[in-house]
Protein backbone atom coordinates (compact mmCIF):
# COMPACT_ATOMS: atom_id res chain seq x y z
CA MET A 1 0.00 0.00 0.00
CA SER A 2 1.38 3.39 -0.98
CA SER A 3 1.61 6.44 1.26
CA LYS A 4 -1.54 7.68 -0.55
CA ASN A 5 -3.43 4.49 0.40
CA GLN A 6 -3.32 3.23 -3.18
CA ILE A 7 -2.76 -0.36 -4.23
CA THR A 8 -1.65 -2.05 -7.44
CA ILE A 9 -3.68 -5.06 -8.51
CA PRO A 10 -1.70 -7.71 -10.38
CA VAL A 11 -2.59 -8.11 -14.08
CA ALA A 12 -3.37 -11.81 -13.60
CA ALA A 13 -5.95 -10.98 -10.92
CA LEU A 14 -7.54 -8.33 -13.15
CA ALA A 15 -7.73 -10.73 -16.09
CA GLU A 16 -9.37 -13.41 -13.95
CA THR A 17 -12.01 -11.02 -12.58
CA GLY A 18 -12.79 -9.11 -15.77
CA ILE A 19 -11.94 -5.77 -14.19
CA HIS A 20 -10.52 -3.19 -16.61
CA ALA A 21 -8.91 0.25 -16.31
CA GLY A 22 -11.63 2.84 -15.77
CA ASP A 23 -14.12 0.44 -14.15
CA ARG A 24 -15.77 1.64 -10.95
CA LEU A 25 -15.35 -0.56 -7.90
CA MET A 26 -17.14 -0.69 -4.58
CA VAL A 27 -14.81 -1.25 -1.63
CA ARG A 28 -15.89 -2.82 1.64
CA ALA A 29 -14.13 -4.09 4.73
CA ASP A 30 -14.58 -7.81 5.33
CA GLY A 31 -12.94 -8.30 8.70
CA PRO A 32 -9.45 -7.56 10.00
CA GLY A 33 -6.90 -7.35 7.21
CA ARG A 34 -9.42 -8.13 4.48
CA VAL A 35 -10.85 -5.75 1.85
CA VAL A 36 -13.26 -6.79 -0.91
CA LEU A 37 -13.50 -5.01 -4.26
CA VAL A 38 -16.73 -5.46 -6.22
CA LEU A 39 -17.27 -4.24 -9.77
CA GLU A 40 -20.15 -1.76 -9.79
CA GLY A 41 -22.98 -2.73 -12.09
CA ASP A 42 -24.74 -0.46 -14.56
CA PRO A 43 -27.90 0.74 -12.74
CA ILE A 44 -29.77 1.24 -16.02
CA ALA A 45 -29.00 -2.29 -17.20
CA GLU A 46 -29.85 -3.66 -13.76
CA PHE A 47 -33.41 -2.31 -13.84
CA ALA A 48 -34.12 -2.44 -17.58
CA GLY A 49 -37.17 -4.60 -18.15
CA ALA A 50 -38.11 -4.69 -14.46
CA LEU A 51 -41.66 -3.51 -15.20
CA THR A 52 -42.26 -5.76 -18.20
CA GLY A 53 -45.86 -6.94 -18.07
CA CYS A 54 -47.08 -4.17 -15.74
CA TRP A 55 -48.75 -2.30 -18.60
CA GLU A 56 -51.01 -3.80 -21.21
CA SER A 57 -50.49 -2.98 -24.86
CA GLY A 58 -51.83 0.50 -25.60
CA ASP A 59 -52.04 1.69 -21.97
CA LEU A 60 -49.23 4.21 -22.36
CA ASP A 61 -50.64 5.51 -25.65
CA ARG A 62 -54.01 6.14 -23.95
CA LEU A 63 -52.30 8.02 -21.11
CA ARG A 64 -50.36 10.14 -23.59
CA ASP A 65 -53.57 10.93 -25.47
CA GLU A 66 -55.05 12.29 -22.21
CA TRP A 67 -52.30 14.94 -22.13
CA ASP A 68 -53.43 16.48 -25.43
């Protein structure tokens, strides 16, 4: 660990995890002497399609027509 609290992750570890330069990571403590890095997901991709089936075909068009 550097004096600026930075670490260098070995290339082999990065390749195995799929982490690339520029990726955002969440950092959490996992007990004494243990830190876990987790690749942040894309929040848009995570929730895309979550409401599939909540609206019937044409419902949104009818709501939009009410605005006119």
